[in-house]
Amino acid sequence: MKNLRMSIVAMLLLTVSLSYAQDKKKMEHDHSKMEMGDMNMDGKHAQMGMKDVDAKAEVILSDYFDLKDALVADDTKKAAQAGTKLVASLKAFDATNYSKENQTELADILEDATEHAEHIAKSAMDHQREHFKTLSKDITDLVAITGTKNTLYEQFCPMYDKGSAWLSTSDEVRNPYYGSKMLKCGKVQKEIN
C-alpha cells in the first residue's frame, strides 16, 4: 500500500512538472510573438516599436478613415473636407525617427498621397474615388513602415477599376468605390496587426 501511494505521488509530481514545462514553453512562444510585433508587414524592422506607434501616422489613418467613410456615404462635400484635412496631416508627418531607407520611401509615399488627397479635396465624387484607389495603396505602404496601434483590414472590390483595395478598421465591408450602389461589394483580403 505504501509503495502504491509513493507511485501515485510520483505520478502526480511528474504530471505537474510536465504541465509546468508545457506552460513555460507556451509562454516563451507567446513572448517571441510579442517581440515580433514591432515588425511591419514586410518583416523589416521599423525603428519604432509598437509601443511607440507614431502619433502622426495615427492622425493620417484617422483622416483617411474619415475620407473613406464619406465616400461610403456618397458625400462629396465631406470627402472634400476630409481630403483637405488629410493633406494637412500628411504634410505634418515627421519621418526623422525612421531609418534612412525608410525616410526615402516615406518621402515618396507622402508626396504621392498628398497629391491624391489634394485632388480629392477639389473634385466630384467619381474623380474622388479614382484618386482614393491610389491613395489607399499609399496609406497601406505607409502603415507597412510605421505600423499601427489598431487592427486594420485590407478589403478588396473586384468590380471597381479591375479590382481596388482599401483599408478599414472593421472587417465588415462598406465599399467606398460604389457607396450605396453596391455597399457590400468586396471582401477582406488581409488582416493587418
N, C-alpha and C. Protein backbone atom coordinates (compact mmCIF):
# COMPACT_ATOMS: atom_id res chain seq x y z
N MET A 1 0.82 -1.19 0.00
CA MET A 1 0.00 0.00 0.00
C MET A 1 0.86 1.25 0.00
N LYS A 2 1.97 1.19 0.80
CA LYS A 2 2.87 2.34 0.88
C LYS A 2 3.53 2.60 -0.47
N ASN A 3 3.90 1.52 -1.17
CA ASN A 3 4.51 1.65 -2.49
C ASN A 3 3.52 2.24 -3.50
N LEU A 4 2.24 1.87 -3.37
CA LEU A 4 1.21 2.39 -4.26
C LEU A 4 1.05 3.90 -4.07
N ARG A 5 1.04 4.35 -2.80
CA ARG A 5 0.94 5.79 -2.53
C ARG A 5 2.14 6.53 -3.09
N MET A 6 3.30 5.96 -2.92
CA MET A 6 4.53 6.59 -3.43
C MET A 6 4.48 6.69 -4.95
N SER A 7 3.96 5.66 -5.61
CA SER A 7 3.83 5.67 -7.07
C SER A 7 2.85 6.74 -7.52
N ILE A 8 1.73 6.86 -6.81
CA ILE A 8 0.72 7.87 -7.15
C ILE A 8 1.29 9.27 -6.96
N VAL A 9 2.00 9.49 -5.86
CA VAL A 9 2.61 10.79 -5.60
C VAL A 9 3.64 11.10 -6.68
N ALA A 10 4.44 10.11 -7.05
CA ALA A 10 5.45 10.30 -8.08
C ALA A 10 4.80 10.65 -9.42
N MET A 11 3.69 9.98 -9.75
CA MET A 11 3.00 10.26 -11.00
C MET A 11 2.40 11.67 -10.98
N LEU A 12 1.85 12.08 -9.85
CA LEU A 12 1.29 13.42 -9.74
C LEU A 12 2.39 14.47 -9.92
N LEU A 13 3.52 14.25 -9.27
CA LEU A 13 4.64 15.19 -9.41
C LEU A 13 5.12 15.26 -10.86
N LEU A 14 5.20 14.12 -11.51
CA LEU A 14 5.62 14.08 -12.91
C LEU A 14 4.61 14.83 -13.79
N THR A 15 3.33 14.62 -13.54
CA THR A 15 2.28 15.31 -14.31
C THR A 15 2.36 16.82 -14.12
N VAL A 16 2.52 17.25 -12.87
CA VAL A 16 2.63 18.68 -12.58
C VAL A 16 3.87 19.26 -13.25
N SER A 17 4.97 18.53 -13.20
CA SER A 17 6.22 19.01 -13.83
C SER A 17 6.07 19.15 -15.34
N LEU A 18 5.45 18.17 -15.97
CA LEU A 18 5.24 18.23 -17.42
C LEU A 18 4.31 19.38 -17.78
N SER A 19 3.25 19.55 -17.01
CA SER A 19 2.32 20.64 -17.26
C SER A 19 3.01 22.00 -17.12
N TYR A 20 3.84 22.13 -16.09
CA TYR A 20 4.60 23.38 -15.89
C TYR A 20 5.53 23.63 -17.07
N ALA A 21 6.22 22.59 -17.52
CA ALA A 21 7.16 22.74 -18.65
C ALA A 21 6.41 23.16 -19.92
N GLN A 22 5.23 22.58 -20.15
CA GLN A 22 4.46 22.96 -21.33
C GLN A 22 3.98 24.40 -21.23
N ASP A 23 3.49 24.81 -20.05
CA ASP A 23 3.05 26.20 -19.87
C ASP A 23 4.20 27.17 -20.07
N LYS A 24 5.37 26.81 -19.54
CA LYS A 24 6.54 27.69 -19.68
C LYS A 24 6.93 27.82 -21.15
N LYS A 25 6.92 26.69 -21.87
CA LYS A 25 7.27 26.72 -23.29
C LYS A 25 6.26 27.57 -24.07
N LYS A 26 4.97 27.44 -23.75
CA LYS A 26 3.93 28.22 -24.42
C LYS A 26 4.12 29.72 -24.15
N MET A 27 4.45 30.05 -22.90
CA MET A 27 4.67 31.46 -22.56
C MET A 27 5.87 32.02 -23.32
N GLU A 28 6.94 31.23 -23.45
CA GLU A 28 8.10 31.68 -24.20
C GLU A 28 7.74 31.89 -25.66
N HIS A 29 6.92 30.98 -26.23
CA HIS A 29 6.48 31.10 -27.62
C HIS A 29 5.64 32.37 -27.80
N ASP A 30 4.69 32.59 -26.87
CA ASP A 30 3.86 33.80 -26.94
C ASP A 30 4.70 35.05 -26.82
N HIS A 31 5.73 35.02 -25.98
CA HIS A 31 6.61 36.17 -25.81
C HIS A 31 7.37 36.46 -27.10
N SER A 32 7.81 35.40 -27.78
CA SER A 32 8.54 35.64 -29.04
C SER A 32 7.62 36.26 -30.08
N LYS A 33 6.32 35.91 -30.05
CA LYS A 33 5.37 36.55 -30.97
C LYS A 33 5.23 38.03 -30.64
N MET A 34 5.19 38.35 -29.34
CA MET A 34 5.04 39.75 -28.93
C MET A 34 6.26 40.56 -29.37
N GLU A 35 7.46 39.98 -29.28
CA GLU A 35 8.65 40.70 -29.69
C GLU A 35 8.64 40.98 -31.17
N MET A 36 7.98 40.12 -31.96
CA MET A 36 7.92 40.34 -33.39
C MET A 36 6.87 41.39 -33.74
N GLY A 37 6.11 41.87 -32.77
CA GLY A 37 5.06 42.84 -33.01
C GLY A 37 5.55 44.16 -33.54
N ASP A 38 6.85 44.47 -33.35
CA ASP A 38 7.35 45.75 -33.85
C ASP A 38 7.90 45.63 -35.26
N MET A 39 7.59 44.51 -35.91
CA MET A 39 7.99 44.36 -37.30
C MET A 39 6.80 44.72 -38.17
N ASN A 40 7.09 45.33 -39.32
CA ASN A 40 5.97 45.71 -40.17
C ASN A 40 5.57 44.53 -41.05
N MET A 41 4.62 44.75 -41.95
CA MET A 41 4.07 43.66 -42.75
C MET A 41 5.12 43.02 -43.65
N ASP A 42 6.14 43.76 -44.06
CA ASP A 42 7.18 43.21 -44.92
C ASP A 42 8.23 42.45 -44.12
N GLY A 43 8.15 42.48 -42.79
CA GLY A 43 9.13 41.80 -41.97
C GLY A 43 10.35 42.65 -41.69
N LYS A 44 10.41 43.85 -42.23
CA LYS A 44 11.52 44.75 -41.97
C LYS A 44 11.23 45.50 -40.69
N HIS A 45 12.27 45.68 -39.87
CA HIS A 45 12.06 46.41 -38.62
C HIS A 45 11.89 47.89 -38.89
N ALA A 46 10.86 48.45 -38.34
CA ALA A 46 10.76 49.91 -38.27
C ALA A 46 11.56 50.28 -37.03
N GLN A 47 12.16 51.44 -36.98
CA GLN A 47 12.96 51.79 -35.83
C GLN A 47 12.10 51.98 -34.60
N MET A 48 10.81 52.24 -34.78
CA MET A 48 9.94 52.48 -33.65
C MET A 48 9.18 51.20 -33.35
N GLY A 49 9.12 50.80 -32.08
CA GLY A 49 8.38 49.61 -31.67
C GLY A 49 6.89 49.91 -31.64
N MET A 50 6.08 48.86 -31.51
CA MET A 50 4.64 49.03 -31.50
C MET A 50 4.17 49.88 -30.31
N LYS A 51 4.94 49.84 -29.21
CA LYS A 51 4.56 50.65 -28.05
C LYS A 51 4.74 52.13 -28.38
N ASP A 52 5.61 52.42 -29.33
CA ASP A 52 5.91 53.80 -29.69
C ASP A 52 5.32 54.14 -31.06
N VAL A 53 4.12 53.66 -31.34
CA VAL A 53 3.50 53.91 -32.63
C VAL A 53 3.47 55.40 -32.89
N ASP A 54 3.80 55.77 -34.10
CA ASP A 54 3.91 57.17 -34.49
C ASP A 54 2.54 57.85 -34.42
N ALA A 55 2.41 58.81 -33.53
CA ALA A 55 1.13 59.51 -33.34
C ALA A 55 0.69 60.22 -34.61
N LYS A 56 1.64 60.77 -35.37
CA LYS A 56 1.27 61.49 -36.59
C LYS A 56 0.79 60.52 -37.67
N ALA A 57 1.31 59.31 -37.68
CA ALA A 57 0.81 58.29 -38.61
C ALA A 57 -0.62 57.91 -38.23
N GLU A 58 -0.90 57.86 -36.94
CA GLU A 58 -2.26 57.54 -36.48
C GLU A 58 -3.24 58.65 -36.88
N VAL A 59 -2.80 59.91 -36.88
CA VAL A 59 -3.65 61.02 -37.33
C VAL A 59 -3.95 60.86 -38.82
N ILE A 60 -2.93 60.51 -39.59
CA ILE A 60 -3.12 60.28 -41.03
C ILE A 60 -4.17 59.18 -41.24
N LEU A 61 -4.03 58.09 -40.49
CA LEU A 61 -5.00 57.00 -40.62
C LEU A 61 -6.41 57.46 -40.25
N SER A 62 -6.54 58.22 -39.20
CA SER A 62 -7.85 58.72 -38.79
C SER A 62 -8.48 59.58 -39.89
N ASP A 63 -7.68 60.46 -40.48
CA ASP A 63 -8.18 61.31 -41.57
C ASP A 63 -8.54 60.47 -42.81
N TYR A 64 -7.73 59.45 -43.09
CA TYR A 64 -8.00 58.54 -44.21
C TYR A 64 -9.35 57.83 -43.98
N PHE A 65 -9.59 57.37 -42.75
CA PHE A 65 -10.84 56.66 -42.47
C PHE A 65 -12.04 57.60 -42.54
N ASP A 66 -11.87 58.87 -42.16
CA ASP A 66 -12.94 59.86 -42.33
C ASP A 66 -13.27 60.02 -43.82
N LEU A 67 -12.24 60.07 -44.65
CA LEU A 67 -12.42 60.17 -46.10
C LEU A 67 -13.14 58.94 -46.64
N LYS A 68 -12.68 57.77 -46.23
CA LYS A 68 -13.31 56.52 -46.68
C LYS A 68 -14.79 56.51 -46.31
N ASP A 69 -15.09 56.89 -45.08
CA ASP A 69 -16.49 56.89 -44.62
C ASP A 69 -17.35 57.87 -45.42
N ALA A 70 -16.78 59.02 -45.79
CA ALA A 70 -17.51 59.99 -46.61
C ALA A 70 -17.81 59.41 -47.99
N LEU A 71 -16.85 58.69 -48.55
CA LEU A 71 -17.07 58.05 -49.86
C LEU A 71 -18.12 56.94 -49.76
N VAL A 72 -18.07 56.18 -48.68
CA VAL A 72 -19.08 55.14 -48.45
C VAL A 72 -20.47 55.77 -48.40
N ALA A 73 -20.57 56.95 -47.78
CA ALA A 73 -21.86 57.65 -47.62
C ALA A 73 -22.24 58.47 -48.84
N ASP A 74 -21.44 58.40 -49.92
CA ASP A 74 -21.69 59.17 -51.15
C ASP A 74 -21.74 60.67 -50.88
N ASP A 75 -20.94 61.16 -49.95
CA ASP A 75 -20.96 62.56 -49.54
C ASP A 75 -19.72 63.29 -50.09
N THR A 76 -19.88 63.91 -51.24
CA THR A 76 -18.78 64.61 -51.92
C THR A 76 -18.20 65.72 -51.05
N LYS A 77 -19.06 66.48 -50.40
CA LYS A 77 -18.60 67.62 -49.59
C LYS A 77 -17.74 67.15 -48.41
N LYS A 78 -18.23 66.13 -47.68
CA LYS A 78 -17.45 65.60 -46.55
C LYS A 78 -16.16 64.95 -47.03
N ALA A 79 -16.20 64.31 -48.18
CA ALA A 79 -14.99 63.70 -48.74
C ALA A 79 -13.97 64.79 -49.07
N ALA A 80 -14.43 65.90 -49.63
CA ALA A 80 -13.53 67.02 -49.94
C ALA A 80 -12.92 67.59 -48.67
N GLN A 81 -13.74 67.75 -47.63
CA GLN A 81 -13.24 68.26 -46.35
C GLN A 81 -12.23 67.30 -45.73
N ALA A 82 -12.53 66.01 -45.81
CA ALA A 82 -11.61 65.00 -45.28
C ALA A 82 -10.31 64.98 -46.08
N GLY A 83 -10.41 65.20 -47.40
CA GLY A 83 -9.22 65.28 -48.24
C GLY A 83 -8.33 66.45 -47.84
N THR A 84 -8.94 67.59 -47.56
CA THR A 84 -8.19 68.77 -47.11
C THR A 84 -7.50 68.50 -45.77
N LYS A 85 -8.23 67.89 -44.87
CA LYS A 85 -7.67 67.55 -43.56
C LYS A 85 -6.52 66.54 -43.70
N LEU A 86 -6.69 65.59 -44.59
CA LEU A 86 -5.66 64.58 -44.83
C LEU A 86 -4.40 65.21 -45.41
N VAL A 87 -4.55 66.18 -46.29
CA VAL A 87 -3.38 66.89 -46.85
C VAL A 87 -2.57 67.49 -45.70
N ALA A 88 -3.24 68.11 -44.75
CA ALA A 88 -2.55 68.74 -43.62
C ALA A 88 -1.81 67.70 -42.76
N SER A 89 -2.46 66.58 -42.48
CA SER A 89 -1.81 65.57 -41.64
C SER A 89 -0.66 64.88 -42.37
N LEU A 90 -0.77 64.72 -43.69
CA LEU A 90 0.33 64.16 -44.47
C LEU A 90 1.54 65.10 -44.45
N LYS A 91 1.28 66.40 -44.59
CA LYS A 91 2.37 67.38 -44.58
C LYS A 91 3.00 67.53 -43.20
N ALA A 92 2.27 67.22 -42.15
CA ALA A 92 2.78 67.35 -40.77
C ALA A 92 3.59 66.12 -40.34
N PHE A 93 3.59 65.08 -41.13
CA PHE A 93 4.28 63.84 -40.75
C PHE A 93 5.79 64.07 -40.70
N ASP A 94 6.43 63.55 -39.68
CA ASP A 94 7.87 63.69 -39.49
C ASP A 94 8.51 62.31 -39.56
N ALA A 95 9.35 62.09 -40.57
CA ALA A 95 9.95 60.77 -40.78
C ALA A 95 11.36 60.66 -40.18
N THR A 96 11.81 61.64 -39.42
CA THR A 96 13.20 61.63 -38.94
C THR A 96 13.50 60.50 -37.96
N ASN A 97 12.50 59.89 -37.35
CA ASN A 97 12.73 58.78 -36.42
C ASN A 97 12.91 57.44 -37.12
N TYR A 98 12.88 57.44 -38.42
CA TYR A 98 12.98 56.20 -39.19
C TYR A 98 14.36 56.09 -39.84
N SER A 99 14.69 54.87 -40.28
CA SER A 99 15.97 54.65 -40.94
C SER A 99 16.04 55.47 -42.23
N LYS A 100 17.24 55.69 -42.74
CA LYS A 100 17.43 56.47 -43.98
C LYS A 100 16.63 55.85 -45.12
N GLU A 101 16.69 54.54 -45.23
CA GLU A 101 15.95 53.83 -46.29
C GLU A 101 14.45 54.10 -46.17
N ASN A 102 13.93 53.97 -44.94
CA ASN A 102 12.51 54.21 -44.72
C ASN A 102 12.15 55.68 -44.92
N GLN A 103 13.05 56.59 -44.57
CA GLN A 103 12.80 58.02 -44.78
C GLN A 103 12.60 58.31 -46.26
N THR A 104 13.44 57.72 -47.10
CA THR A 104 13.34 57.92 -48.55
C THR A 104 12.01 57.37 -49.06
N GLU A 105 11.67 56.16 -48.62
CA GLU A 105 10.42 55.54 -49.05
C GLU A 105 9.21 56.34 -48.55
N LEU A 106 9.27 56.79 -47.30
CA LEU A 106 8.18 57.59 -46.73
C LEU A 106 8.00 58.90 -47.49
N ALA A 107 9.11 59.53 -47.88
CA ALA A 107 9.02 60.80 -48.62
C ALA A 107 8.26 60.59 -49.93
N ASP A 108 8.54 59.48 -50.63
CA ASP A 108 7.84 59.18 -51.88
C ASP A 108 6.35 58.91 -51.63
N ILE A 109 6.07 58.12 -50.59
CA ILE A 109 4.69 57.79 -50.26
C ILE A 109 3.92 59.06 -49.91
N LEU A 110 4.50 59.90 -49.05
CA LEU A 110 3.82 61.11 -48.59
C LEU A 110 3.57 62.09 -49.74
N GLU A 111 4.53 62.21 -50.63
CA GLU A 111 4.37 63.12 -51.77
C GLU A 111 3.21 62.66 -52.66
N ASP A 112 3.18 61.38 -52.97
CA ASP A 112 2.14 60.84 -53.82
C ASP A 112 0.77 60.92 -53.13
N ALA A 113 0.71 60.54 -51.85
CA ALA A 113 -0.55 60.57 -51.11
C ALA A 113 -1.09 61.99 -51.00
N THR A 114 -0.20 62.95 -50.78
CA THR A 114 -0.62 64.35 -50.67
C THR A 114 -1.24 64.82 -51.98
N GLU A 115 -0.62 64.45 -53.10
CA GLU A 115 -1.16 64.84 -54.41
C GLU A 115 -2.58 64.29 -54.60
N HIS A 116 -2.78 63.04 -54.24
CA HIS A 116 -4.11 62.43 -54.41
C HIS A 116 -5.13 63.04 -53.45
N ALA A 117 -4.72 63.31 -52.22
CA ALA A 117 -5.63 63.94 -51.26
C ALA A 117 -6.01 65.35 -51.72
N GLU A 118 -5.07 66.06 -52.33
CA GLU A 118 -5.37 67.40 -52.86
C GLU A 118 -6.41 67.31 -53.98
N HIS A 119 -6.28 66.32 -54.86
CA HIS A 119 -7.28 66.13 -55.93
C HIS A 119 -8.65 65.81 -55.34
N ILE A 120 -8.67 64.96 -54.31
CA ILE A 120 -9.93 64.58 -53.68
C ILE A 120 -10.60 65.81 -53.07
N ALA A 121 -9.81 66.72 -52.53
CA ALA A 121 -10.34 67.92 -51.87
C ALA A 121 -11.05 68.86 -52.82
N LYS A 122 -10.80 68.73 -54.13
CA LYS A 122 -11.44 69.66 -55.06
C LYS A 122 -12.06 68.98 -56.28
N SER A 123 -12.59 67.77 -56.08
CA SER A 123 -13.14 67.02 -57.21
C SER A 123 -14.56 66.54 -56.93
N ALA A 124 -15.19 66.08 -58.00
CA ALA A 124 -16.51 65.45 -57.90
C ALA A 124 -16.32 64.00 -57.43
N MET A 125 -17.39 63.38 -56.99
CA MET A 125 -17.35 62.05 -56.40
C MET A 125 -16.62 61.01 -57.26
N ASP A 126 -16.92 60.92 -58.54
CA ASP A 126 -16.27 59.91 -59.39
C ASP A 126 -14.75 60.10 -59.39
N HIS A 127 -14.33 61.33 -59.49
CA HIS A 127 -12.90 61.63 -59.50
C HIS A 127 -12.28 61.40 -58.11
N GLN A 128 -13.02 61.69 -57.06
CA GLN A 128 -12.54 61.42 -55.70
C GLN A 128 -12.25 59.93 -55.54
N ARG A 129 -13.16 59.12 -56.05
CA ARG A 129 -12.99 57.67 -55.93
C ARG A 129 -11.81 57.17 -56.75
N GLU A 130 -11.57 57.76 -57.90
CA GLU A 130 -10.41 57.38 -58.71
C GLU A 130 -9.11 57.63 -57.93
N HIS A 131 -9.01 58.79 -57.31
CA HIS A 131 -7.81 59.13 -56.54
C HIS A 131 -7.72 58.34 -55.24
N PHE A 132 -8.86 57.96 -54.68
CA PHE A 132 -8.87 57.19 -53.45
C PHE A 132 -8.19 55.83 -53.65
N LYS A 133 -8.31 55.26 -54.84
CA LYS A 133 -7.69 53.97 -55.12
C LYS A 133 -6.17 54.04 -54.92
N THR A 134 -5.52 55.01 -55.51
CA THR A 134 -4.07 55.13 -55.38
C THR A 134 -3.70 55.61 -53.98
N LEU A 135 -4.50 56.49 -53.42
CA LEU A 135 -4.28 56.95 -52.05
C LEU A 135 -4.30 55.77 -51.09
N SER A 136 -5.21 54.84 -51.28
CA SER A 136 -5.30 53.66 -50.41
C SER A 136 -4.02 52.83 -50.48
N LYS A 137 -3.48 52.70 -51.66
CA LYS A 137 -2.20 51.98 -51.82
C LYS A 137 -1.10 52.70 -51.04
N ASP A 138 -1.06 54.04 -51.16
CA ASP A 138 -0.06 54.83 -50.44
C ASP A 138 -0.19 54.66 -48.93
N ILE A 139 -1.41 54.71 -48.42
CA ILE A 139 -1.63 54.59 -46.98
C ILE A 139 -1.26 53.19 -46.50
N THR A 140 -1.55 52.18 -47.29
CA THR A 140 -1.16 50.81 -46.96
C THR A 140 0.37 50.70 -46.88
N ASP A 141 1.06 51.33 -47.83
CA ASP A 141 2.53 51.33 -47.82
C ASP A 141 3.07 52.08 -46.60
N LEU A 142 2.40 53.16 -46.24
CA LEU A 142 2.80 53.94 -45.05
C LEU A 142 2.69 53.06 -43.80
N VAL A 143 1.58 52.36 -43.64
CA VAL A 143 1.35 51.50 -42.48
C VAL A 143 2.38 50.38 -42.42
N ALA A 144 2.82 49.90 -43.59
CA ALA A 144 3.83 48.84 -43.62
C ALA A 144 5.13 49.31 -42.96
N ILE A 145 5.38 50.59 -42.99
CA ILE A 145 6.60 51.14 -42.38
C ILE A 145 6.35 51.62 -40.96
N THR A 146 5.27 52.34 -40.74
CA THR A 146 5.03 52.96 -39.44
C THR A 146 4.37 52.03 -38.43
N GLY A 147 3.65 51.03 -38.93
CA GLY A 147 2.85 50.20 -38.05
C GLY A 147 1.62 50.98 -37.61
N THR A 148 0.80 50.35 -36.80
CA THR A 148 -0.40 50.98 -36.28
C THR A 148 -0.78 50.32 -34.97
N LYS A 149 -1.47 51.06 -34.14
CA LYS A 149 -1.88 50.51 -32.84
C LYS A 149 -3.15 49.68 -32.97
N ASN A 150 -3.85 49.79 -34.08
CA ASN A 150 -5.13 49.11 -34.28
C ASN A 150 -5.01 47.98 -35.30
N THR A 151 -5.90 47.02 -35.20
CA THR A 151 -6.02 46.00 -36.23
C THR A 151 -6.75 46.63 -37.41
N LEU A 152 -6.17 46.50 -38.59
CA LEU A 152 -6.80 47.02 -39.80
C LEU A 152 -7.14 45.86 -40.73
N TYR A 153 -8.06 46.12 -41.63
CA TYR A 153 -8.47 45.11 -42.60
C TYR A 153 -8.31 45.69 -44.00
N GLU A 154 -7.50 45.00 -44.80
CA GLU A 154 -7.40 45.39 -46.21
C GLU A 154 -8.55 44.70 -46.92
N GLN A 155 -9.42 45.50 -47.52
CA GLN A 155 -10.59 44.97 -48.20
C GLN A 155 -10.43 45.19 -49.70
N PHE A 156 -11.14 44.40 -50.47
CA PHE A 156 -10.94 44.40 -51.91
C PHE A 156 -12.27 44.28 -52.64
N CYS A 157 -12.46 45.17 -53.62
CA CYS A 157 -13.62 45.12 -54.51
C CYS A 157 -13.14 44.68 -55.88
N PRO A 158 -13.60 43.54 -56.38
CA PRO A 158 -13.14 43.06 -57.68
C PRO A 158 -13.77 43.83 -58.85
N MET A 159 -14.83 44.59 -58.59
CA MET A 159 -15.58 45.24 -59.65
C MET A 159 -15.02 46.61 -60.06
N TYR A 160 -14.49 47.37 -59.10
CA TYR A 160 -14.10 48.75 -59.38
C TYR A 160 -12.73 48.79 -60.05
N ASP A 161 -12.67 49.32 -61.26
CA ASP A 161 -11.40 49.55 -61.97
C ASP A 161 -10.51 48.30 -61.98
N LYS A 162 -11.08 47.18 -62.36
CA LYS A 162 -10.37 45.89 -62.46
C LYS A 162 -9.84 45.41 -61.11
N GLY A 163 -10.43 45.86 -60.04
CA GLY A 163 -10.05 45.44 -58.68
C GLY A 163 -9.38 46.57 -57.93
N SER A 164 -9.92 46.90 -56.76
CA SER A 164 -9.39 48.00 -55.97
C SER A 164 -9.48 47.66 -54.49
N ALA A 165 -8.42 48.04 -53.74
CA ALA A 165 -8.36 47.75 -52.31
C ALA A 165 -8.49 49.04 -51.50
N TRP A 166 -8.79 48.87 -50.23
CA TRP A 166 -8.83 49.99 -49.28
C TRP A 166 -8.63 49.41 -47.89
N LEU A 167 -8.36 50.27 -46.93
CA LEU A 167 -8.20 49.86 -45.54
C LEU A 167 -9.44 50.21 -44.74
N SER A 168 -9.70 49.41 -43.72
CA SER A 168 -10.84 49.65 -42.84
C SER A 168 -10.47 49.23 -41.42
N THR A 169 -11.14 49.83 -40.44
CA THR A 169 -10.94 49.41 -39.05
C THR A 169 -11.91 48.30 -38.67
N SER A 170 -12.82 47.96 -39.58
CA SER A 170 -13.81 46.92 -39.33
C SER A 170 -13.69 45.83 -40.40
N ASP A 171 -13.98 44.60 -40.02
CA ASP A 171 -13.97 43.54 -41.02
C ASP A 171 -15.27 43.51 -41.83
N GLU A 172 -16.22 44.36 -41.46
CA GLU A 172 -17.47 44.48 -42.21
C GLU A 172 -17.24 45.34 -43.45
N VAL A 173 -17.53 44.81 -44.61
CA VAL A 173 -17.27 45.52 -45.87
C VAL A 173 -18.28 46.64 -46.08
N ARG A 174 -17.75 47.84 -46.30
CA ARG A 174 -18.51 49.03 -46.69
C ARG A 174 -17.71 49.68 -47.81
N ASN A 175 -18.17 49.49 -49.03
CA ASN A 175 -17.41 49.82 -50.22
C ASN A 175 -17.38 51.33 -50.51
N PRO A 176 -16.17 51.94 -50.46
CA PRO A 176 -16.06 53.37 -50.75
C PRO A 176 -16.09 53.69 -52.25
N TYR A 177 -15.91 52.68 -53.09
CA TYR A 177 -15.85 52.92 -54.53
C TYR A 177 -17.24 52.99 -55.16
N TYR A 178 -18.20 52.30 -54.54
CA TYR A 178 -19.56 52.30 -55.07
C TYR A 178 -20.58 52.88 -54.09
N GLY A 179 -20.21 53.02 -52.85
CA GLY A 179 -21.12 53.59 -51.86
C GLY A 179 -22.44 52.84 -51.82
N SER A 180 -23.54 53.56 -51.83
CA SER A 180 -24.86 52.96 -51.69
C SER A 180 -25.25 52.06 -52.87
N LYS A 181 -24.59 52.23 -54.02
CA LYS A 181 -24.93 51.40 -55.20
C LYS A 181 -24.60 49.93 -54.95
N MET A 182 -23.43 49.68 -54.37
CA MET A 182 -23.01 48.31 -54.06
C MET A 182 -22.23 48.33 -52.74
N LEU A 183 -22.92 48.67 -51.68
CA LEU A 183 -22.31 48.90 -50.38
C LEU A 183 -21.49 47.73 -49.87
N LYS A 184 -21.96 46.52 -50.09
CA LYS A 184 -21.30 45.35 -49.51
C LYS A 184 -20.46 44.57 -50.52
N CYS A 185 -20.19 45.19 -51.67
CA CYS A 185 -19.38 44.52 -52.68
C CYS A 185 -17.92 44.50 -52.21
N GLY A 186 -17.37 43.33 -52.05
CA GLY A 186 -15.98 43.19 -51.67
C GLY A 186 -15.78 42.16 -50.59
N LYS A 187 -14.53 42.00 -50.19
CA LYS A 187 -14.20 41.02 -49.15
C LYS A 187 -12.93 41.48 -48.45
N VAL A 188 -12.73 40.93 -47.26
CA VAL A 188 -11.49 41.17 -46.53
C VAL A 188 -10.43 40.27 -47.16
N GLN A 189 -9.32 40.85 -47.58
CA GLN A 189 -8.28 40.00 -48.16
C GLN A 189 -7.07 39.87 -47.24
N LYS A 190 -6.96 40.74 -46.23
CA LYS A 190 -5.83 40.64 -45.32
C LYS A 190 -6.13 41.37 -44.03
N GLU A 191 -5.67 40.80 -42.91
CA GLU A 191 -5.76 41.48 -41.63
C GLU A 191 -4.37 42.01 -41.30
N ILE A 192 -4.30 43.27 -40.90
CA ILE A 192 -3.02 43.91 -40.58
C ILE A 192 -3.00 44.23 -39.10
N ASN A 193 -2.04 43.67 -38.40
CA ASN A 193 -1.92 43.91 -36.95
C ASN A 193 -0.78 44.86 -36.67
